[in-house]
PDB file of N, CA and C in Angstrom:
ATOM      1  N   UNK A   1      62.982  28.859 -60.197  1.00  0.00           N
ATOM      2  CA  UNK A   1      62.826  28.610 -61.463  1.00  0.00           C
ATOM      3  C   UNK A   1      62.415  29.643 -62.571  1.00  0.00           C
ATOM      4  N   UNK A   2      61.467  29.754 -61.814  1.00  0.00           N
ATOM      5  CA  UNK A   2      60.044  30.468 -62.702  1.00  0.00           C
ATOM      6  C   UNK A   2      60.416  31.950 -62.508  1.00  0.00           C
ATOM      7  N   UNK A   3      61.394  32.659 -60.838  1.00  0.00           N
ATOM      8  CA  UNK A   3      61.990  33.692 -61.247  1.00  0.00           C
ATOM      9  C   UNK A   3      63.130  34.129 -62.159  1.00  0.00           C
ATOM     10  N   UNK A   4      63.848  33.446 -62.369  1.00  0.00           N
ATOM     11  CA  UNK A   4      65.256  33.528 -63.482  1.00  0.00           C
ATOM     12  C   UNK A   4      64.014  33.657 -64.795  1.00  0.00           C
ATOM     13  N   UNK A   5      63.167  32.677 -65.353  1.00  0.00           N
ATOM     14  CA  UNK A   5      62.793  32.888 -67.117  1.00  0.00           C
ATOM     15  C   UNK A   5      62.245  34.459 -67.024  1.00  0.00           C
ATOM     16  N   UNK A   6      61.055  35.436 -65.600  1.00  0.00           N
ATOM     17  CA  UNK A   6      60.292  36.777 -65.531  1.00  0.00           C
ATOM     18  C   UNK A   6      61.823  37.777 -66.130  1.00  0.00           C
ATOM     19  N   UNK A   7      62.847  37.364 -64.558  1.00  0.00           N
ATOM     20  CA  UNK A   7      64.177  38.571 -64.894  1.00  0.00           C
ATOM     21  C   UNK A   7      64.864  38.713 -66.520  1.00  0.00           C
ATOM     22  N   UNK A   8      65.401  37.058 -66.645  1.00  0.00           N
ATOM     23  CA  UNK A   8      65.971  37.670 -67.938  1.00  0.00           C
ATOM     24  C   UNK A   8      65.573  38.574 -68.802  1.00  0.00           C
ATOM     25  N   UNK A   9      63.842  38.197 -69.369  1.00  0.00           N
ATOM     26  CA  UNK A   9      63.516  39.217 -70.527  1.00  0.00           C
ATOM     27  C   UNK A   9      64.130  40.062 -70.606  1.00  0.00           C
ATOM     28  N   UNK A  10      63.419  40.612 -68.951  1.00  0.00           N
ATOM     29  CA  UNK A  10      63.100  41.968 -68.459  1.00  0.00           C
ATOM     30  C   UNK A  10      65.006  42.901 -68.759  1.00  0.00           C
ATOM     31  N   UNK A  11      65.867  41.568 -68.525  1.00  0.00           N
ATOM     32  CA  UNK A  11      67.283  42.683 -68.749  1.00  0.00           C
ATOM     33  C   UNK A  11      67.476  42.471 -69.955  1.00  0.00           C
ATOM     34  N   UNK A  12      67.353  41.111 -70.689  1.00  0.00           N
ATOM     35  CA  UNK A  12      67.894  41.415 -72.577  1.00  0.00           C
ATOM     36  C   UNK A  12      67.093  43.077 -72.742  1.00  0.00           C
ATOM     37  N   UNK A  13      65.598  43.324 -72.400  1.00  0.00           N
ATOM     38  CA  UNK A  13      64.955  44.130 -73.563  1.00  0.00           C
ATOM     39  C   UNK A  13      64.625  45.877 -72.506  1.00  0.00           C
ATOM     40  N   UNK A  14      66.018  45.342 -71.319  1.00  0.00           N
ATOM     41  CA  UNK A  14      66.160  47.441 -70.789  1.00  0.00           C
ATOM     42  C   UNK A  14      66.548  48.045 -71.608  1.00  0.00           C
ATOM     43  N   UNK A  15      68.325  47.267 -72.125  1.00  0.00           N
ATOM     44  CA  UNK A  15      69.402  48.068 -73.336  1.00  0.00           C
ATOM     45  C   UNK A  15      68.487  48.748 -74.570  1.00  0.00           C
ATOM     46  N   UNK A  16      67.522  47.855 -74.884  1.00  0.00           N
ATOM     47  CA  UNK A  16      66.926  48.036 -76.130  1.00  0.00           C
ATOM     48  C   UNK A  16      65.828  49.236 -75.969  1.00  0.00           C
ATOM     49  N   UNK A  17      65.695  49.044 -74.716  1.00  0.00           N
ATOM     50  CA  UNK A  17      64.088  50.622 -74.393  1.00  0.00           C
ATOM     51  C   UNK A  17      64.671  52.249 -74.679  1.00  0.00           C
ATOM     52  N   UNK A  18      66.080  52.237 -74.616  1.00  0.00           N
ATOM     53  CA  UNK A  18      66.947  53.745 -74.246  1.00  0.00           C
ATOM     54  C   UNK A  18      67.335  53.844 -75.627  1.00  0.00           C
ATOM     55  N   UNK A  19      67.402  53.202 -76.272  1.00  0.00           N
ATOM     56  CA  UNK A  19      68.221  53.674 -77.851  1.00  0.00           C
ATOM     57  C   UNK A  19      67.054  54.894 -77.897  1.00  0.00           C
ATOM     58  N   UNK A  20      65.726  54.749 -77.749  1.00  0.00           N
ATOM     59  CA  UNK A  20      65.220  56.189 -79.161  1.00  0.00           C
ATOM     60  C   UNK A  20      65.623  56.916 -78.243  1.00  0.00           C
ATOM     61  N   UNK A  21      65.458  57.392 -77.353  1.00  0.00           N
ATOM     62  CA  UNK A  21      66.211  57.764 -76.407  1.00  0.00           C
ATOM     63  C   UNK A  21      67.710  59.407 -76.046  1.00  0.00           C
ATOM     64  N   UNK A  22      68.451  59.239 -77.047  1.00  0.00           N
ATOM     65  CA  UNK A  22      69.822  59.289 -76.841  1.00  0.00           C
ATOM     66  C   UNK A  22      70.002  60.569 -76.972  1.00  0.00           C
ATOM     67  N   UNK A  23      69.749  61.640 -76.435  1.00  0.00           N
ATOM     68  CA  UNK A  23      70.096  62.771 -76.228  1.00  0.00           C
ATOM     69  C   UNK A  23      71.351  63.481 -76.732  1.00  0.00           C
ATOM     70  N   UNK A  24      70.824  64.758 -77.879  1.00  0.00           N
ATOM     71  CA  UNK A  24      71.748  64.767 -79.169  1.00  0.00           C
ATOM     72  C   UNK A  24      71.897  66.731 -78.353  1.00  0.00           C
ATOM     73  N   UNK A  25      73.156  67.401 -78.042  1.00  0.00           N
ATOM     74  CA  UNK A  25      73.765  68.290 -77.782  1.00  0.00           C
ATOM     75  C   UNK A  25      73.443  69.602 -78.875  1.00  0.00           C
ATOM     76  N   UNK A  26      72.677  70.648 -78.410  1.00  0.00           N
ATOM     77  CA  UNK A  26      72.364  72.122 -79.070  1.00  0.00           C
ATOM     78  C   UNK A  26      74.006  71.931 -79.088  1.00  0.00           C
ATOM     79  N   UNK A  27      74.700  72.502 -80.404  1.00  0.00           N
ATOM     80  CA  UNK A  27      75.949  73.527 -80.712  1.00  0.00           C
ATOM     81  C   UNK A  27      75.731  74.963 -80.857  1.00  0.00           C
ATOM     82  N   UNK A  28      75.931  76.376 -80.155  1.00  0.00           N
ATOM     83  CA  UNK A  28      75.432  77.095 -81.150  1.00  0.00           C
ATOM     84  C   UNK A  28      77.045  77.850 -80.755  1.00  0.00           C
ATOM     85  N   UNK A  29      77.638  78.511 -82.137  1.00  0.00           N
ATOM     86  CA  UNK A  29      78.925  79.035 -82.535  1.00  0.00           C
ATOM     87  C   UNK A  29      78.325  80.425 -82.937  1.00  0.00           C
ATOM     88  N   UNK A  30      79.609  81.115 -82.661  1.00  0.00           N
ATOM     89  CA  UNK A  30      79.156  82.538 -83.282  1.00  0.00           C
ATOM     90  C   UNK A  30      78.604  83.586 -82.450  1.00  0.00           C
ATOM     91  N   UNK A  31      78.485  84.714 -82.818  1.00  0.00           N
ATOM     92  CA  UNK A  31      77.447  85.760 -82.107  1.00  0.00           C
ATOM     93  C   UNK A  31      75.743  85.942 -83.229  1.00  0.00           C
ATOM     94  N   UNK A  32      75.294  85.700 -81.646  1.00  0.00           N
ATOM     95  CA  UNK A  32      74.132  85.549 -81.677  1.00  0.00           C
ATOM     96  C   UNK A  32      73.247  87.270 -81.809  1.00  0.00           C
ATOM     97  N   UNK A  33      73.046  87.523 -82.432  1.00  0.00           N
ATOM     98  CA  UNK A  33      72.302  88.953 -82.502  1.00  0.00           C
ATOM     99  C   UNK A  33      70.504  89.298 -83.339  1.00  0.00           C
ATOM    100  N   UNK A  34      70.213  89.637 -81.958  1.00  0.00           N
ATOM    101  CA  UNK A  34      68.228  90.036 -82.427  1.00  0.00           C
ATOM    102  C   UNK A  34      68.779  91.015 -83.370  1.00  0.00           C
ATOM    103  N   UNK A  35      67.043  90.899 -84.032  1.00  0.00           N
ATOM    104  CA  UNK A  35      66.720  92.290 -84.803  1.00  0.00           C
ATOM    105  C   UNK A  35      67.226  93.999 -84.475  1.00  0.00           C
ATOM    106  N   UNK A  36      66.463  93.457 -83.103  1.00  0.00           N
ATOM    107  CA  UNK A  36      66.069  94.648 -81.921  1.00  0.00           C
ATOM    108  C   UNK A  36      68.332  95.223 -81.969  1.00  0.00           C
ATOM    109  N   UNK A  37      68.758  94.394 -81.843  1.00  0.00           N
ATOM    110  CA  UNK A  37      70.210  94.991 -81.988  1.00  0.00           C
ATOM    111  C   UNK A  37      70.239  95.431 -83.835  1.00  0.00           C
ATOM    112  N   UNK A  38      70.270  95.167 -84.312  1.00  0.00           N
ATOM    113  CA  UNK A  38      70.613  95.438 -85.604  1.00  0.00           C
ATOM    114  C   UNK A  38      69.341  97.326 -86.103  1.00  0.00           C
ATOM    115  N   UNK A  39      68.505  97.302 -85.302  1.00  0.00           N
ATOM    116  CA  UNK A  39      67.884  97.967 -85.557  1.00  0.00           C
ATOM    117  C   UNK A  39      68.033  99.083 -85.150  1.00  0.00           C
ATOM    118  N   UNK A  40      69.333  98.861 -84.185  1.00  0.00           N
ATOM    119  CA  UNK A  40      69.672 100.459 -83.604  1.00  0.00           C
ATOM    120  C   UNK A  40      70.972 100.857 -84.174  1.00  0.00           C
ATOM    121  N   UNK A  41      71.678 100.181 -85.729  1.00  0.00           N
ATOM    122  CA  UNK A  41      72.602 100.425 -85.933  1.00  0.00           C
ATOM    123  C   UNK A  41      72.688 101.765 -86.568  1.00  0.00           C
ATOM    124  N   UNK A  42      73.236 102.330 -86.283  1.00  0.00           N
ATOM    125  CA  UNK A  42      72.951 103.873 -87.939  1.00  0.00           C
ATOM    126  C   UNK A  42      73.848 104.110 -88.248  1.00  0.00           C
ATOM    127  N   UNK A  43      74.135 105.080 -89.989  1.00  0.00           N
ATOM    128  CA  UNK A  43      75.252 105.356 -90.585  1.00  0.00           C
ATOM    129  C   UNK A  43      75.239 105.964 -89.988  1.00  0.00           C
ATOM    130  N   UNK A  44      77.402 106.073 -89.929  1.00  0.00           N
ATOM    131  CA  UNK A  44      77.633 106.800 -88.831  1.00  0.00           C
ATOM    132  C   UNK A  44      78.357 106.292 -87.503  1.00  0.00           C
ATOM    133  N   UNK A  45      77.965 105.692 -86.890  1.00  0.00           N
ATOM    134  CA  UNK A  45      78.217 105.319 -85.902  1.00  0.00           C
ATOM    135  C   UNK A  45      79.944 104.716 -85.781  1.00  0.00           C
ATOM    136  N   UNK A  46      80.729 105.081 -84.947  1.00  0.00           N
ATOM    137  CA  UNK A  46      81.937 104.833 -84.518  1.00  0.00           C
ATOM    138  C   UNK A  46      82.145 103.135 -84.137  1.00  0.00           C
ATOM    139  N   UNK A  47      83.350 102.268 -84.832  1.00  0.00           N
ATOM    140  CA  UNK A  47      83.878 101.390 -84.506  1.00  0.00           C
ATOM    141  C   UNK A  47      83.653 101.088 -82.292  1.00  0.00           C
ATOM    142  N   UNK A  48      83.726 102.120 -81.882  1.00  0.00           N
ATOM    143  CA  UNK A  48      84.059 101.498 -80.638  1.00  0.00           C
ATOM    144  C   UNK A  48      81.671 101.527 -80.414  1.00  0.00           C
ATOM    145  N   UNK A  49      80.786 101.957 -80.751  1.00  0.00           N
ATOM    146  CA  UNK A  49      79.735 102.174 -80.879  1.00  0.00           C
ATOM    147  C   UNK A  49      79.249 101.058 -81.226  1.00  0.00           C
ATOM    148  N   UNK A  50      79.403 100.240 -82.076  1.00  0.00           N
ATOM    149  CA  UNK A  50      79.462  98.932 -83.492  1.00  0.00           C
ATOM    150  C   UNK A  50      79.790  97.360 -82.060  1.00  0.00           C
ATOM    151  N   UNK A  51      80.571  98.424 -81.623  1.00  0.00           N
ATOM    152  CA  UNK A  51      81.201  96.902 -80.644  1.00  0.00           C
ATOM    153  C   UNK A  51      80.277  97.126 -79.309  1.00  0.00           C
ATOM    154  N   UNK A  52      79.773  98.292 -78.669  1.00  0.00           N
ATOM    155  CA  UNK A  52      79.207  98.410 -77.469  1.00  0.00           C
ATOM    156  C   UNK A  52      77.939  97.418 -77.769  1.00  0.00           C
ATOM    157  N   UNK A  53      76.973  97.951 -78.827  1.00  0.00           N
ATOM    158  CA  UNK A  53      76.061  97.349 -79.545  1.00  0.00           C
ATOM    159  C   UNK A  53      75.761  95.781 -79.437  1.00  0.00           C
ATOM    160  N   UNK A  54      77.164  95.867 -80.680  1.00  0.00           N
ATOM    161  CA  UNK A  54      76.928  94.020 -80.551  1.00  0.00           C
ATOM    162  C   UNK A  54      78.413  93.162 -80.189  1.00  0.00           C
ATOM    163  N   UNK A  55      78.977  93.688 -79.788  1.00  0.00           N
ATOM    164  CA  UNK A  55      80.420  92.699 -79.354  1.00  0.00           C
ATOM    165  C   UNK A  55      81.306  92.352 -80.283  1.00  0.00           C
ATOM    166  N   UNK A  56      82.302  91.709 -80.294  1.00  0.00           N
ATOM    167  CA  UNK A  56      83.582  91.790 -81.178  1.00  0.00           C
ATOM    168  C   UNK A  56      82.850  91.313 -82.229  1.00  0.00           C
ATOM    169  N   UNK A  57      83.171  91.587 -83.517  1.00  0.00           N
ATOM    170  CA  UNK A  57      82.186  90.609 -84.235  1.00  0.00           C
ATOM    171  C   UNK A  57      83.716  89.277 -84.583  1.00  0.00           C
ATOM    172  N   UNK A  58      83.280  87.922 -85.586  1.00  0.00           N
ATOM    173  CA  UNK A  58      83.602  87.070 -85.056  1.00  0.00           C
ATOM    174  C   UNK A  58      84.954  86.936 -85.664  1.00  0.00           C
ATOM    175  N   UNK A  59      85.014  87.585 -87.117  1.00  0.00           N
ATOM    176  CA  UNK A  59      86.055  87.214 -88.028  1.00  0.00           C
ATOM    177  C   UNK A  59      86.387  89.092 -88.587  1.00  0.00           C
ATOM    178  N   UNK A  60      87.270  89.509 -88.015  1.00  0.00           N
ATOM    179  CA  UNK A  60      87.978  90.521 -89.377  1.00  0.00           C
ATOM    180  C   UNK A  60      88.604  90.167 -90.306  1.00  0.00           C
ATOM    181  N   UNK A  61      88.380  90.821 -91.736  1.00  0.00           N
ATOM    182  CA  UNK A  61      89.305  90.739 -92.402  1.00  0.00           C
ATOM    183  C   UNK A  61      90.599  91.062 -92.298  1.00  0.00           C
ATOM    184  N   UNK A  62      91.282  90.254 -92.513  1.00  0.00           N
ATOM    185  CA  UNK A  62      93.301  90.527 -92.745  1.00  0.00           C
ATOM    186  C   UNK A  62      93.483  91.482 -93.446  1.00  0.00           C
ATOM    187  N   UNK A  63      92.818  91.895 -94.585  1.00  0.00           N
ATOM    188  CA  UNK A  63      93.322  92.527 -95.706  1.00  0.00           C
ATOM    189  C   UNK A  63      92.608  93.830 -95.787  1.00  0.00           C
ATOM    190  N   UNK A  64      91.230  94.103 -94.704  1.00  0.00           N
ATOM    191  CA  UNK A  64      90.563  94.676 -94.678  1.00  0.00           C
ATOM    192  C   UNK A  64      89.863  95.252 -93.900  1.00  0.00           C
ATOM    193  N   UNK A  65      90.473  96.373 -92.766  1.00  0.00           N
ATOM    194  CA  UNK A  65      89.827  96.299 -91.139  1.00  0.00           C
ATOM    195  C   UNK A  65      88.784  97.168 -91.509  1.00  0.00           C
ATOM    196  N   UNK A  66      88.163  97.622 -92.209  1.00  0.00           N
ATOM    197  CA  UNK A  66      87.237  97.938 -91.936  1.00  0.00           C
ATOM    198  C   UNK A  66      85.676  97.257 -92.605  1.00  0.00           C
ATOM    199  N   UNK A  67      86.435  96.254 -92.628  1.00  0.00           N
ATOM    200  CA  UNK A  67      85.173  95.198 -92.657  1.00  0.00           C
ATOM    201  C   UNK A  67      84.556  94.445 -91.384  1.00  0.00           C
ATOM    202  N   UNK A  68      83.869  94.296 -91.042  1.00  0.00           N
ATOM    203  CA  UNK A  68      83.160  93.641 -90.055  1.00  0.00           C
ATOM    204  C   UNK A  68      82.331  92.422 -90.813  1.00  0.00           C
ATOM    205  N   UNK A  69      82.911  91.387 -89.805  1.00  0.00           N
ATOM    206  CA  UNK A  69      81.505  90.070 -90.044  1.00  0.00           C
ATOM    207  C   UNK A  69      81.508  89.216 -88.644  1.00  0.00           C
ATOM    208  N   UNK A  70      80.446  89.462 -87.849  1.00  0.00           N
ATOM    209  CA  UNK A  70      79.579  88.842 -87.913  1.00  0.00           C
ATOM    210  C   UNK A  70      78.686  87.660 -88.240  1.00  0.00           C
ATOM    211  N   UNK A  71      79.313  86.211 -87.692  1.00  0.00           N
ATOM    212  CA  UNK A  71      79.109  85.019 -87.517  1.00  0.00           C
ATOM    213  C   UNK A  71      77.782  83.946 -86.373  1.00  0.00           C
ATOM    214  N   UNK A  72      76.808  83.464 -86.767  1.00  0.00           N
ATOM    215  CA  UNK A  72      76.069  82.451 -85.949  1.00  0.00           C
ATOM    216  C   UNK A  72      76.163  81.403 -86.452  1.00  0.00           C
ATOM    217  N   UNK A  73      76.723  80.235 -85.476  1.00  0.00           N
ATOM    218  CA  UNK A  73      75.788  79.323 -86.468  1.00  0.00           C
ATOM    219  C   UNK A  73      75.278  78.228 -85.233  1.00  0.00           C
ATOM    220  N   UNK A  74      74.073  77.452 -85.879  1.00  0.00           N
ATOM    221  CA  UNK A  74      73.575  77.230 -84.479  1.00  0.00           C
ATOM    222  C   UNK A  74      72.902  75.000 -84.531  1.00  0.00           C
ATOM    223  N   UNK A  75      73.811  74.609 -84.704  1.00  0.00           N
ATOM    224  CA  UNK A  75      73.279  73.517 -84.473  1.00  0.00           C
ATOM    225  C   UNK A  75      73.050  72.516 -83.461  1.00  0.00           C
ATOM    226  N   UNK A  76      70.875  72.383 -83.736  1.00  0.00           N
ATOM    227  CA  UNK A  76      70.189  71.900 -83.215  1.00  0.00           C
ATOM    228  C   UNK A  76      70.260  70.176 -82.906  1.00  0.00           C
ATOM    229  N   UNK A  77      70.271  69.617 -81.454  1.00  0.00           N
ATOM    230  CA  UNK A  77      71.050  67.921 -81.534  1.00  0.00           C
ATOM    231  C   UNK A  77      69.393  67.641 -82.598  1.00  0.00           C
ATOM    232  N   UNK A  78      68.522  68.088 -82.459  1.00  0.00           N
ATOM    233  CA  UNK A  78      67.078  67.560 -83.977  1.00  0.00           C
ATOM    234  C   UNK A  78      67.217  68.994 -84.121  1.00  0.00           C
ATOM    235  N   UNK A  79      66.564  68.821 -85.731  1.00  0.00           N
ATOM    236  CA  UNK A  79      66.058  70.176 -86.386  1.00  0.00           C
ATOM    237  C   UNK A  79      66.623  70.355 -87.500  1.00  0.00           C
ATOM    238  N   UNK A  80      66.903  71.332 -88.014  1.00  0.00           N
ATOM    239  CA  UNK A  80      67.203  72.200 -89.140  1.00  0.00           C
ATOM    240  C   UNK A  80      69.146  73.113 -88.475  1.00  0.00           C
ATOM    241  N   UNK A  81      70.027  72.878 -89.408  1.00  0.00           N
ATOM    242  CA  UNK A  81      70.816  73.897 -89.052  1.00  0.00           C
ATOM    243  C   UNK A  81      70.672  75.589 -89.813  1.00  0.00           C
ATOM    244  N   UNK A  82      71.070  76.382 -88.164  1.00  0.00           N
ATOM    245  CA  UNK A  82      70.883  78.020 -88.687  1.00  0.00           C
ATOM    246  C   UNK A  82      71.436  78.727 -88.594  1.00  0.00           C
ATOM    247  N   UNK A  83      72.037  79.195 -90.097  1.00  0.00           N
ATOM    248  CA  UNK A  83      73.071  80.054 -89.871  1.00  0.00           C
ATOM    249  C   UNK A  83      72.892  81.538 -91.022  1.00  0.00           C
ATOM    250  N   UNK A  84      73.428  82.923 -89.609  1.00  0.00           N
ATOM    251  CA  UNK A  84      73.487  83.954 -89.459  1.00  0.00           C
ATOM    252  C   UNK A  84      74.596  84.502 -90.075  1.00  0.00           C
ATOM    253  N   UNK A  85      74.624  85.698 -90.929  1.00  0.00           N
ATOM    254  CA  UNK A  85      75.419  86.524 -91.115  1.00  0.00           C
ATOM    255  C   UNK A  85      75.059  88.280 -90.760  1.00  0.00           C
ATOM    256  N   UNK A  86      75.721  88.867 -90.453  1.00  0.00           N
ATOM    257  CA  UNK A  86      75.760  90.075 -90.416  1.00  0.00           C
ATOM    258  C   UNK A  86      77.043  90.896 -91.156  1.00  0.00           C
ATOM    259  N   UNK A  87      77.315  91.681 -92.008  1.00  0.00           N
ATOM    260  CA  UNK A  87      77.956  92.822 -92.842  1.00  0.00           C
ATOM    261  C   UNK A  87      78.208  93.910 -92.435  1.00  0.00           C
ATOM    262  N   UNK A  88      79.329  94.735 -91.713  1.00  0.00           N
ATOM    263  CA  UNK A  88      79.450  95.883 -91.735  1.00  0.00           C
ATOM    264  C   UNK A  88      81.067  96.352 -92.140  1.00  0.00           C
ATOM    265  N   UNK A  89      80.872  97.563 -93.204  1.00  0.00           N
ATOM    266  CA  UNK A  89      81.423  97.960 -93.891  1.00  0.00           C
ATOM    267  C   UNK A  89      81.797  99.529 -93.085  1.00  0.00           C
ATOM    268  N   UNK A  90      83.131  99.936 -92.673  1.00  0.00           N
ATOM    269  CA  UNK A  90      83.849 101.224 -92.047  1.00  0.00           C
ATOM    270  C   UNK A  90      84.459 102.137 -93.041  1.00  0.00           C
ATOM    271  N   UNK A  91      84.149 103.373 -93.416  1.00  0.00           N
ATOM    272  CA  UNK A  91      84.645 103.912 -93.974  1.00  0.00           C
ATOM    273  C   UNK A  91      85.647 105.575 -93.069  1.00  0.00           C
ATOM    274  N   UNK A  92      86.562 105.705 -92.808  1.00  0.00           N
ATOM    275  CA  UNK A  92      86.670 106.776 -92.046  1.00  0.00           C
ATOM    276  C   UNK A  92      86.522 106.722 -90.603  1.00  0.00           C
ATOM    277  N   UNK A  93      86.300 105.375 -89.652  1.00  0.00           N
ATOM    278  CA  UNK A  93      85.888 105.120 -88.595  1.00  0.00           C
ATOM    279  C   UNK A  93      84.510 105.522 -88.697  1.00  0.00           C
ATOM    280  N   UNK A  94      83.863 105.243 -89.635  1.00  0.00           N
ATOM    281  CA  UNK A  94      82.056 105.568 -89.517  1.00  0.00           C
ATOM    282  C   UNK A  94      81.224 104.449 -90.479  1.00  0.00           C
ATOM    283  N   UNK A  95      80.976 104.001 -89.426  1.00  0.00           N
ATOM    284  CA  UNK A  95      79.738 102.713 -90.283  1.00  0.00           C
ATOM    285  C   UNK A  95      78.647 103.449 -91.765  1.00  0.00           C
ATOM    286  N   UNK A  96      79.025 102.871 -92.807  1.00  0.00           N
ATOM    287  CA  UNK A  96      78.664 103.234 -94.405  1.00  0.00           C
ATOM    288  C   UNK A  96      77.418 102.139 -94.631  1.00  0.00           C
ATOM    289  N   UNK A  97      77.861 100.596 -93.857  1.00  0.00           N
ATOM    290  CA  UNK A  97      77.044  99.579 -94.953  1.00  0.00           C
ATOM    291  C   UNK A  97      76.376  98.592 -94.245  1.00  0.00           C
ATOM    292  N   UNK A  98      75.195  97.834 -94.696  1.00  0.00           N
ATOM    293  CA  UNK A  98      75.449  96.978 -93.383  1.00  0.00           C
ATOM    294  C   UNK A  98      74.771  95.527 -94.322  1.00  0.00           C
ATOM    295  N   UNK A  99      75.191  94.847 -94.842  1.00  0.00           N
ATOM    296  CA  UNK A  99      74.760  93.709 -95.774  1.00  0.00           C
ATOM    297  C   UNK A  99      74.539  92.418 -94.721  1.00  0.00           C
ATOM    298  N   UNK A 100      74.344  90.935 -95.495  1.00  0.00           N
ATOM    299  CA  UNK A 100      74.203  90.131 -95.247  1.00  0.00           C
ATOM    300  C   UNK A 100      72.792  89.234 -94.614  1.00  0.00           C
ATOM    301  N   UNK A 101      72.438  88.738 -93.801  1.00  0.00           N
ATOM    302  CA  UNK A 101      71.243  87.909 -93.610  1.00  0.00           C
ATOM    303  C   UNK A 101      69.706  89.306 -92.722  1.00  0.00           C
ATOM    304  N   UNK A 102      71.019  90.246 -92.319  1.00  0.00           N
ATOM    305  CA  UNK A 102      69.681  91.140 -91.845  1.00  0.00           C
ATOM    306  C   UNK A 102      69.739  92.403 -92.521  1.00  0.00           C
ATOM    307  N   UNK A 103      67.842  92.936 -92.659  1.00  0.00           N
ATOM    308  CA  UNK A 103      68.551  93.748 -93.214  1.00  0.00           C
ATOM    309  C   UNK A 103      68.679  95.129 -92.722  1.00  0.00           C
ATOM    310  N   UNK A 104      69.217  96.564 -93.685  1.00  0.00           N
ATOM    311  CA  UNK A 104      69.000  98.010 -93.212  1.00  0.00           C
ATOM    312  C   UNK A 104      68.148  97.939 -92.313  1.00  0.00           C
ATOM    313  N   UNK A 105      68.497  98.991 -90.556  1.00  0.00           N
ATOM    314  CA  UNK A 105      66.947  99.354 -90.716  1.00  0.00           C
ATOM    315  C   UNK A 105      66.555 100.406 -91.035  1.00  0.00           C
ATOM    316  N   UNK A 106      65.163 101.014 -91.793  1.00  0.00           N
ATOM    317  CA  UNK A 106      64.670 102.285 -91.964  1.00  0.00           C
ATOM    318  C   UNK A 106      65.127 103.384 -91.392  1.00  0.00           C
ATOM    319  N   UNK A 107      65.383 103.928 -89.920  1.00  0.00           N
ATOM    320  CA  UNK A 107      66.651 104.700 -89.602  1.00  0.00           C
ATOM    321  C   UNK A 107      67.784 104.841 -90.030  1.00  0.00           C
ATOM    322  N   UNK A 108      68.523 103.760 -90.587  1.00  0.00           N
ATOM    323  CA  UNK A 108      69.751 103.448 -90.668  1.00  0.00           C
ATOM    324  C   UNK A 108      70.389 104.650 -91.524  1.00  0.00           C
ATOM    325  N   UNK A 109      69.591 105.073 -92.562  1.00  0.00           N
ATOM    326  CA  UNK A 109      70.440 106.800 -93.698  1.00  0.00           C
ATOM    327  C   UNK A 109      70.480 107.761 -92.580  1.00  0.00           C
ATOM    328  N   UNK A 110      69.179 107.899 -91.986  1.00  0.00           N
ATOM    329  CA  UNK A 110      69.633 109.061 -91.058  1.00  0.00           C
ATOM    330  C   UNK A 110      70.706 109.900 -90.142  1.00  0.00           C
ATOM    331  N   UNK A 111      71.356 108.588 -89.969  1.00  0.00           N
ATOM    332  CA  UNK A 111      72.573 108.925 -88.898  1.00  0.00           C
ATOM    333  C   UNK A 111      72.659 108.544 -87.848  1.00  0.00           C
ATOM    334  N   UNK A 112      73.312 109.102 -87.372  1.00  0.00           N
ATOM    335  CA  UNK A 112      73.333 109.867 -85.609  1.00  0.00           C
ATOM    336  C   UNK A 112      72.598 110.800 -85.120  1.00  0.00           C
TER     337      UNK A 112
END
């Protein structure tokens, strides 16, 4: 009888003990781009060179194939959501501008 009175409260409290330990999955989506990759971009680079450096863009504008959009979205299990975007514009198959959350590197204007 005494053993039952000790085991019963244990079984009732075990499910409640794990409630604060729920694991939440990190959700990364898109292109993760580092500053060191962006710092290698130069005016006049071809689309092939940019694709080699950064990978395929997340979004190509259906009406303007000279505008490439790299998007990154990261939702951690706990914490703040992180979003970044990099927009590259080409003219005559040459990179001409960088906009978005990354700034153009100082050497960008020097070209190739």
